C-alpha atoms as a PDB file:
ATOM      1  CA  MET A   1     203.159  50.731 -48.330  1.00  0.00           C
ATOM      2  CA  LYS A   2     205.503  50.594 -51.296  1.00  0.00           C
ATOM      3  CA  LEU A   3     204.331  47.638 -53.356  1.00  0.00           C
ATOM      4  CA  SER A   4     206.165  45.752 -56.095  1.00  0.00           C
ATOM      5  CA  VAL A   5     204.216  43.207 -58.149  1.00  0.00           C
ATOM      6  CA  ILE A   6     206.113  40.432 -59.929  1.00  0.00           C
ATOM      7  CA  ILE A   7     204.356  38.671 -62.812  1.00  0.00           C
ATOM      8  CA  PRO A   8     206.062  35.650 -64.418  1.00  0.00           C
ATOM      9  CA  THR A   9     205.303  35.238 -68.116  1.00  0.00           C
ATOM     10  CA  LEU A  10     205.708  32.657 -70.838  1.00  0.00           C
ATOM     11  CA  ASP A  11     203.556  33.541 -73.856  1.00  0.00           C
ATOM     12  CA  GLU A  12     200.922  35.427 -71.857  1.00  0.00           C
ATOM     13  CA  ALA A  13     200.101  38.215 -74.343  1.00  0.00           C
ATOM     14  CA  ASP A  14     196.405  37.235 -74.411  1.00  0.00           C
ATOM     15  CA  TYR A  15     196.024  37.800 -70.657  1.00  0.00           C
ATOM     16  CA  LEU A  16     198.659  40.274 -69.530  1.00  0.00           C
ATOM     17  CA  ALA A  17     196.891  43.523 -70.413  1.00  0.00           C
ATOM     18  CA  ALA A  18     193.766  42.606 -68.421  1.00  0.00           C
ATOM     19  CA  THR A  19     195.829  41.612 -65.393  1.00  0.00           C
ATOM     20  CA  VAL A  20     197.769  44.877 -65.487  1.00  0.00           C
ATOM     21  CA  ALA A  21     194.514  46.804 -65.874  1.00  0.00           C
ATOM     22  CA  SER A  22     193.144  45.135 -62.728  1.00  0.00           C
ATOM     23  CA  LEU A  23     196.298  46.151 -60.861  1.00  0.00           C
ATOM     24  CA  ARG A  24     196.028  49.763 -61.920  1.00  0.00           C
ATOM     25  CA  GLU A  25     192.257  50.271 -61.883  1.00  0.00           C
ATOM     26  CA  ASN A  26     191.458  48.393 -58.667  1.00  0.00           C
ATOM     27  CA  ALA A  27     194.031  50.146 -56.492  1.00  0.00           C
ATOM     28  CA  VAL A  28     192.463  52.546 -54.004  1.00  0.00           C
ATOM     29  CA  ARG A  29     195.521  53.641 -52.019  1.00  0.00           C
ATOM     30  CA  GLY A  30     196.989  55.723 -54.804  1.00  0.00           C
ATOM     31  CA  GLY A  31     199.888  53.925 -56.439  1.00  0.00           C
ATOM     32  CA  PRO A  32     201.021  53.593 -59.140  1.00  0.00           C
ATOM     33  CA  TYR A  33     202.769  50.461 -57.952  1.00  0.00           C
ATOM     34  CA  GLU A  34     205.869  48.948 -59.458  1.00  0.00           C
ATOM     35  CA  ILE A  35     205.004  46.114 -61.866  1.00  0.00           C
ATOM     36  CA  ILE A  36     207.794  43.768 -62.942  1.00  0.00           C
ATOM     37  CA  ILE A  37     207.402  41.249 -65.747  1.00  0.00           C
ATOM     38  CA  ALA A  38     209.739  38.270 -65.309  1.00  0.00           C
ATOM     39  CA  ASP A  39     209.733  36.753 -68.782  1.00  0.00           C
ATOM     40  CA  THR A  40     211.067  33.253 -69.371  1.00  0.00           C
ATOM     41  CA  GLY A  41     211.410  33.279 -73.137  1.00  0.00           C
ATOM     42  CA  SER A  42     208.067  34.317 -74.620  1.00  0.00           C
ATOM     43  CA  THR A  43     207.726  34.308 -78.414  1.00  0.00           C
ATOM     44  CA  ASP A  44     204.183  35.705 -78.637  1.00  0.00           C
ATOM     45  CA  GLY A  45     205.019  39.362 -78.048  1.00  0.00           C
ATOM     46  CA  SER A  46     204.623  39.356 -74.250  1.00  0.00           C
ATOM     47  CA  PRO A  47     207.919  41.255 -73.664  1.00  0.00           C
ATOM     48  CA  GLU A  48     206.994  43.905 -76.231  1.00  0.00           C
ATOM     49  CA  LEU A  49     203.530  44.239 -74.697  1.00  0.00           C
ATOM     50  CA  ALA A  50     205.086  44.691 -71.261  1.00  0.00           C
ATOM     51  CA  LEU A  51     207.167  47.585 -72.573  1.00  0.00           C
ATOM     52  CA  ASP A  52     204.135  49.113 -74.309  1.00  0.00           C
ATOM     53  CA  LEU A  53     202.298  48.967 -70.959  1.00  0.00           C
ATOM     54  CA  ARG A  54     205.227  50.810 -69.313  1.00  0.00           C
ATOM     55  CA  LEU A  55     206.203  47.876 -67.129  1.00  0.00           C
ATOM     56  CA  ARG A  56     209.657  46.882 -65.984  1.00  0.00           C
ATOM     57  CA  LEU A  57     210.848  43.886 -67.994  1.00  0.00           C
ATOM     58  CA  VAL A  58     213.278  41.313 -66.624  1.00  0.00           C
ATOM     59  CA  ARG A  59     214.414  38.750 -69.179  1.00  0.00           C
ATOM     60  CA  CYS A  60     215.172  35.742 -67.008  1.00  0.00           C
ATOM     61  CA  VAL A  61     218.490  34.000 -67.430  1.00  0.00           C
ATOM     62  CA  LYS A  62     218.355  30.218 -67.929  1.00  0.00           C
ATOM     63  CA  PRO A  63     215.147  29.680 -65.919  1.00  0.00           C
ATOM     64  CA  LEU A  64     214.533  26.192 -64.599  1.00  0.00           C
ATOM     65  CA  PRO A  65     211.301  24.460 -65.588  1.00  0.00           C
ATOM     66  CA  GLY A  66     208.617  25.981 -63.416  1.00  0.00           C
ATOM     67  CA  ARG A  67     208.455  29.513 -62.041  1.00  0.00           C
ATOM     68  CA  ALA A  68     210.709  29.686 -58.967  1.00  0.00           C
ATOM     69  CA  SER A  69     213.732  31.036 -60.827  1.00  0.00           C
ATOM     70  CA  ALA A  70     211.663  33.659 -62.646  1.00  0.00           C
ATOM     71  CA  LEU A  71     209.986  34.805 -59.432  1.00  0.00           C
ATOM     72  CA  ASN A  72     213.330  35.193 -57.686  1.00  0.00           C
ATOM     73  CA  GLN A  73     214.907  37.042 -60.601  1.00  0.00           C
ATOM     74  CA  GLY A  74     211.969  39.417 -60.794  1.00  0.00           C
ATOM     75  CA  ALA A  75     212.036  40.046 -57.037  1.00  0.00           C
ATOM     76  CA  ALA A  76     215.765  40.774 -57.122  1.00  0.00           C
ATOM     77  CA  SER A  77     215.114  44.019 -59.000  1.00  0.00           C
ATOM     78  CA  ALA A  78     212.109  45.120 -56.906  1.00  0.00           C
ATOM     79  CA  ALA A  79     212.216  48.383 -54.982  1.00  0.00           C
ATOM     80  CA  GLY A  80     209.105  47.915 -52.825  1.00  0.00           C
ATOM     81  CA  ASP A  81     208.936  47.016 -49.154  1.00  0.00           C
ATOM     82  CA  VAL A  82     206.122  44.569 -49.955  1.00  0.00           C
ATOM     83  CA  LEU A  83     206.230  42.039 -52.799  1.00  0.00           C
ATOM     84  CA  MET A  84     203.242  40.415 -54.451  1.00  0.00           C
ATOM     85  CA  PHE A  85     203.575  37.524 -56.888  1.00  0.00           C
ATOM     86  CA  LEU A  86     200.763  37.403 -59.405  1.00  0.00           C
ATOM     87  CA  ASP A  87     199.994  35.013 -62.242  1.00  0.00           C
ATOM     88  CA  ALA A  88     199.596  36.693 -65.624  1.00  0.00           C
ATOM     89  CA  ASP A  89     196.000  35.460 -65.951  1.00  0.00           C
ATOM     90  CA  THR A  90     194.824  36.453 -62.456  1.00  0.00           C
ATOM     91  CA  LEU A  91     192.650  39.504 -61.778  1.00  0.00           C
ATOM     92  CA  LEU A  92     192.778  41.385 -58.495  1.00  0.00           C
ATOM     93  CA  PRO A  93     189.671  42.606 -56.615  1.00  0.00           C
ATOM     94  CA  LYS A  94     188.799  46.238 -56.022  1.00  0.00           C
ATOM     95  CA  GLY A  95     190.770  47.619 -53.089  1.00  0.00           C
ATOM     96  CA  TYR A  96     193.345  44.822 -53.051  1.00  0.00           C
ATOM     97  CA  ASP A  97     196.028  47.266 -51.920  1.00  0.00           C
ATOM     98  CA  ASP A  98     193.904  48.441 -48.997  1.00  0.00           C
ATOM     99  CA  SER A  99     193.447  44.792 -47.968  1.00  0.00           C
ATOM    100  CA  LEU A 100     197.204  44.229 -48.151  1.00  0.00           C
ATOM    101  CA  GLU A 101     197.972  47.282 -46.056  1.00  0.00           C
ATOM    102  CA  LYS A 102     195.431  46.324 -43.385  1.00  0.00           C
ATOM    103  CA  ALA A 103     196.761  42.749 -43.226  1.00  0.00           C
ATOM    104  CA  LEU A 104     200.314  43.993 -42.723  1.00  0.00           C
ATOM    105  CA  MET A 105     199.390  46.492 -40.007  1.00  0.00           C
ATOM    106  CA  ASN A 106     199.827  43.496 -37.690  1.00  0.00           C
ATOM    107  CA  PHE A 107     203.617  43.330 -37.417  1.00  0.00           C
ATOM    108  CA  GLY A 108     203.421  39.620 -36.664  1.00  0.00           C
ATOM    109  CA  VAL A 109     202.059  39.002 -40.176  1.00  0.00           C
ATOM    110  CA  VAL A 110     204.869  38.427 -42.676  1.00  0.00           C
ATOM    111  CA  GLY A 111     202.747  37.643 -45.724  1.00  0.00           C
ATOM    112  CA  GLY A 112     199.725  35.824 -47.025  1.00  0.00           C
ATOM    113  CA  ALA A 113     197.438  35.428 -50.022  1.00  0.00           C
ATOM    114  CA  PHE A 114     193.970  36.098 -51.362  1.00  0.00           C
ATOM    115  CA  GLU A 115     191.068  33.687 -51.553  1.00  0.00           C
ATOM    116  CA  PHE A 116     191.169  31.481 -54.665  1.00  0.00           C
ATOM    117  CA  ALA A 117     188.505  31.624 -57.379  1.00  0.00           C
ATOM    118  CA  LEU A 118     188.199  30.637 -61.023  1.00  0.00           C
ATOM    119  CA  ASP A 119     186.532  32.739 -63.689  1.00  0.00           C
ATOM    120  CA  GLY A 120     183.747  30.750 -65.369  1.00  0.00           C
ATOM    121  CA  GLU A 121     180.270  29.349 -64.749  1.00  0.00           C
ATOM    122  CA  GLU A 122     180.870  25.585 -65.035  1.00  0.00           C
ATOM    123  CA  PHE A 123     179.837  23.589 -61.956  1.00  0.00           C
ATOM    124  CA  GLY A 124     183.111  21.660 -62.020  1.00  0.00           C
ATOM    125  CA  LEU A 125     185.025  24.890 -61.459  1.00  0.00           C
ATOM    126  CA  ARG A 126     183.127  25.414 -58.202  1.00  0.00           C
ATOM    127  CA  VAL A 127     184.244  21.912 -57.147  1.00  0.00           C
ATOM    128  CA  VAL A 128     187.852  22.897 -57.884  1.00  0.00           C
ATOM    129  CA  GLU A 129     187.443  26.058 -55.804  1.00  0.00           C
ATOM    130  CA  ILE A 130     185.942  24.226 -52.818  1.00  0.00           C
ATOM    131  CA  LEU A 131     188.650  21.558 -52.729  1.00  0.00           C
ATOM    132  CA  ASN A 132     191.419  24.134 -53.044  1.00  0.00           C
ATOM    133  CA  ARG A 133     189.949  26.289 -50.297  1.00  0.00           C
ATOM    134  CA  LEU A 134     189.790  23.275 -48.012  1.00  0.00           C
ATOM    135  CA  ARG A 135     193.366  22.332 -48.899  1.00  0.00           C
ATOM    136  CA  TYR A 136     194.973  25.643 -48.031  1.00  0.00           C
ATOM    137  CA  ARG A 137     192.888  26.113 -44.910  1.00  0.00           C
ATOM    138  CA  VAL A 138     194.167  22.809 -43.565  1.00  0.00           C
ATOM    139  CA  ARG A 139     197.858  23.308 -44.420  1.00  0.00           C
ATOM    140  CA  GLN A 140     198.101  27.092 -45.026  1.00  0.00           C
ATOM    141  CA  ARG A 141     200.186  26.545 -48.137  1.00  0.00           C
ATOM    142  CA  TYR A 142     199.013  28.896 -50.844  1.00  0.00           C
ATOM    143  CA  TYR A 143     199.565  28.640 -54.592  1.00  0.00           C
ATOM    144  CA  GLY A 144     200.738  31.096 -57.222  1.00  0.00           C
ATOM    145  CA  ASP A 145     197.223  31.859 -58.463  1.00  0.00           C
ATOM    146  CA  GLN A 146     196.288  33.473 -55.137  1.00  0.00           C
ATOM    147  CA  GLY A 147     198.345  36.672 -55.292  1.00  0.00           C
ATOM    148  CA  VAL A 148     200.842  35.643 -52.611  1.00  0.00           C
ATOM    149  CA  PHE A 149     202.416  38.635 -50.825  1.00  0.00           C
ATOM    150  CA  VAL A 150     205.328  39.044 -48.418  1.00  0.00           C
ATOM    151  CA  ARG A 151     207.372  41.698 -46.664  1.00  0.00           C
ATOM    152  CA  THR A 152     210.505  42.230 -48.753  1.00  0.00           C
ATOM    153  CA  ASP A 153     212.916  41.944 -45.835  1.00  0.00           C
ATOM    154  CA  VAL A 154     211.393  38.601 -44.861  1.00  0.00           C
ATOM    155  CA  PHE A 155     211.530  37.377 -48.471  1.00  0.00           C
ATOM    156  CA  ARG A 156     215.246  38.092 -48.603  1.00  0.00           C
ATOM    157  CA  LYS A 157     215.873  36.697 -45.145  1.00  0.00           C
ATOM    158  CA  ILE A 158     214.457  33.273 -46.057  1.00  0.00           C
ATOM    159  CA  GLY A 159     216.190  33.241 -49.434  1.00  0.00           C
ATOM    160  CA  GLY A 160     213.171  33.676 -51.696  1.00  0.00           C
ATOM    161  CA  PHE A 161     211.443  30.815 -53.455  1.00  0.00           C
ATOM    162  CA  PRO A 162     213.059  27.388 -53.211  1.00  0.00           C
ATOM    163  CA  GLU A 163     214.482  26.257 -56.547  1.00  0.00           C
ATOM    164  CA  ARG A 164     211.834  23.635 -57.102  1.00  0.00           C
ATOM    165  CA  ARG A 165     210.072  22.761 -60.343  1.00  0.00           C
ATOM    166  CA  LEU A 166     206.703  22.064 -58.667  1.00  0.00           C
ATOM    167  CA  LEU A 167     204.941  23.445 -55.574  1.00  0.00           C
ATOM    168  CA  GLU A 168     207.499  26.224 -55.195  1.00  0.00           C
ATOM    169  CA  THR A 169     204.908  28.600 -53.718  1.00  0.00           C
ATOM    170  CA  ALA A 170     203.580  26.000 -51.280  1.00  0.00           C
ATOM    171  CA  TYR A 171     207.091  25.368 -49.950  1.00  0.00           C
ATOM    172  CA  PHE A 172     207.746  29.106 -49.897  1.00  0.00           C
ATOM    173  CA  CYS A 173     204.695  29.504 -47.638  1.00  0.00           C
ATOM    174  CA  SER A 174     206.011  26.758 -45.356  1.00  0.00           C
ATOM    175  CA  ALA A 175     209.224  28.749 -44.945  1.00  0.00           C
ATOM    176  CA  LEU A 176     207.258  31.950 -44.315  1.00  0.00           C
ATOM    177  CA  ARG A 177     205.284  30.313 -41.512  1.00  0.00           C
ATOM    178  CA  LYS A 178     208.548  29.796 -39.629  1.00  0.00           C
ATOM    179  CA  ALA A 179     209.181  33.536 -39.852  1.00  0.00           C
ATOM    180  CA  GLY A 180     205.737  34.724 -38.732  1.00  0.00           C
ATOM    181  CA  LYS A 181     201.999  34.608 -39.356  1.00  0.00           C
ATOM    182  CA  LEU A 182     200.290  34.329 -42.737  1.00  0.00           C
ATOM    183  CA  ARG A 183     197.029  36.119 -43.444  1.00  0.00           C
ATOM    184  CA  LEU A 184     194.354  34.878 -45.828  1.00  0.00           C
ATOM    185  CA  ILE A 185     192.511  37.847 -47.330  1.00  0.00           C
ATOM    186  CA  LYS A 186     188.839  37.011 -47.788  1.00  0.00           C
ATOM    187  CA  GLU A 187     188.424  38.882 -51.074  1.00  0.00           C
ATOM    188  CA  SER A 188     189.012  36.601 -54.062  1.00  0.00           C
ATOM    189  CA  VAL A 189     191.381  36.947 -56.949  1.00  0.00           C
ATOM    190  CA  ARG A 190     189.940  35.444 -60.138  1.00  0.00           C
ATOM    191  CA  THR A 191     192.113  33.218 -62.291  1.00  0.00           C
ATOM    192  CA  SER A 192     191.451  32.031 -65.830  1.00  0.00           C
ATOM    193  CA  PRO A 193     190.108  28.448 -65.879  1.00  0.00           C
ATOM    194  CA  ARG A 194     191.940  27.722 -69.160  1.00  0.00           C
ATOM    195  CA  ARG A 195     194.060  24.917 -67.682  1.00  0.00           C
ATOM    196  CA  PHE A 196     190.977  23.044 -66.496  1.00  0.00           C
ATOM    197  CA  LEU A 197     188.879  23.701 -69.574  1.00  0.00           C
ATOM    198  CA  ALA A 198     191.640  22.681 -71.982  1.00  0.00           C
ATOM    199  CA  GLY A 199     192.554  19.490 -70.134  1.00  0.00           C
ATOM    200  CA  GLY A 200     189.119  18.538 -68.804  1.00  0.00           C
ATOM    201  CA  ILE A 201     188.065  19.878 -65.398  1.00  0.00           C
ATOM    202  CA  TYR A 202     187.900  16.598 -63.501  1.00  0.00           C
ATOM    203  CA  LYS A 203     190.885  15.060 -65.285  1.00  0.00           C
ATOM    204  CA  VAL A 204     193.108  18.019 -64.367  1.00  0.00           C
ATOM    205  CA  LEU A 205     191.692  18.125 -60.832  1.00  0.00           C
ATOM    206  CA  THR A 206     192.401  14.407 -60.345  1.00  0.00           C
ATOM    207  CA  HIS A 207     195.993  14.922 -61.456  1.00  0.00           C
ATOM    208  CA  ASP A 208     196.363  17.886 -59.085  1.00  0.00           C
ATOM    209  CA  ILE A 209     194.981  15.862 -56.173  1.00  0.00           C
ATOM    210  CA  ARG A 210     197.500  13.127 -56.900  1.00  0.00           C
ATOM    211  CA  ILE A 211     200.319  15.676 -56.690  1.00  0.00           C
ATOM    212  CA  TRP A 212     198.894  17.050 -53.421  1.00  0.00           C
ATOM    213  CA  PHE A 213     198.604  13.570 -51.919  1.00  0.00           C
ATOM    214  CA  LEU A 214     202.118  12.449 -52.871  1.00  0.00           C
ATOM    215  CA  ASP A 215     203.538  15.599 -51.365  1.00  0.00           C
ATOM    216  CA  LEU A 216     201.398  15.200 -48.237  1.00  0.00           C
ATOM    217  CA  ILE A 217     202.778  11.730 -47.519  1.00  0.00           C
ATOM    218  CA  GLY A 218     206.346  12.853 -48.104  1.00  0.00           C
ATOM    219  CA  ILE A 219     206.999  11.545 -51.620  1.00  0.00           C
ATOM    220  CA  SER A 220     208.878  13.984 -53.847  1.00  0.00           C
ATOM    221  CA  VAL A 221     206.825  15.231 -56.797  1.00  0.00           C
ATOM    222  CA  GLU A 222     209.770  16.792 -58.624  1.00  0.00           C
ATOM    223  CA  GLN A 223     209.935  13.783 -60.932  1.00  0.00           C
ATOM    224  CA  HIS A 224     206.507  14.764 -62.271  1.00  0.00           C
ATOM    225  CA  ALA A 225     207.515  18.346 -63.091  1.00  0.00           C
ATOM    226  CA  GLU A 226     208.553  17.835 -66.698  1.00  0.00           C
ATOM    227  CA  THR A 227     205.271  16.089 -67.557  1.00  0.00           C
ATOM    228  CA  TYR A 228     203.238  18.685 -65.655  1.00  0.00           C
ATOM    229  CA  TRP A 229     204.762  21.677 -67.425  1.00  0.00           C
ATOM    230  CA  LYS A 230     204.656  20.001 -70.826  1.00  0.00           C
ATOM    231  CA  LYS A 231     200.933  19.367 -70.407  1.00  0.00           C
ATOM    232  CA  ASN A 232     200.288  22.918 -69.229  1.00  0.00           C
ATOM    233  CA  GLU A 233     202.610  24.988 -71.399  1.00  0.00           C
ATOM    234  CA  LYS A 234     199.760  25.856 -73.787  1.00  0.00           C
ATOM    235  CA  ARG A 235     197.038  26.184 -71.133  1.00  0.00           C
END
C-alpha cells in the first residue's frame, strides 16, 4: 500500500506536530508515508511548521468556506494509491496502516473510516461519541474527524469531494457507496474536543443535531455554512 495523507489546515500550529507524530510513530507497515498539508491561509506559522516537519505543503488557491476545496487540492498532488483525509487535531491509533491494508484486501471495499472518539474525560463528550456512532452506523456517512480513506482511482473517478461548504465528507461517502463498499475500522481515532469545550458541549451538540436533522429531511444546510465556520474558526 502506498499511502498519501492529506491534512487541511487553518491556523493549526498548536496541533499539527502531534498529529504528524501519530502518523509516523504509529505506523507498523514501514512507511514513511506521504503527508500533504493543504493550507488555506494560516497566519500562525502552520505552513512554516509543515516545512520544518518535512511535509509537502500545498497553499490552496481561493478555497471556499469549508474544507472541500482544500481536500481536493491536496489530493491532486498525491502520489499514493490510497488517500486518507485527516483533521489536523486528530490522532491515529497504533497500527492504523495495518488496519487500512487489511480493510482494502477486500477488492469490493473502496474506502471507509475509523471509529470516532474525542480526547477528554467529560461525561458530555461520551454522549457526543455515542450519538455520532449511532448516526454513522445508520446512514454510513462519515465525517472528517474519522480519518476517511479511499482508493485513489475511485476518488478520481467520482470527482473527489463535492464543492459544498458543509457536510462535504458525508456527501463524499454517499458517492463512495455507489462505487463500492465502505468499511468502518473498529479502532478509534481521537480528536481534540476543543470545539465542544469552547462552545459548550451540549450547545454545540444541539446545533450539530439540528444540521443533521435538516439534512436528513432534505433541507439544504448550505445556508448555515457561514455561521457555522465563523463560530468554529477559533475552535
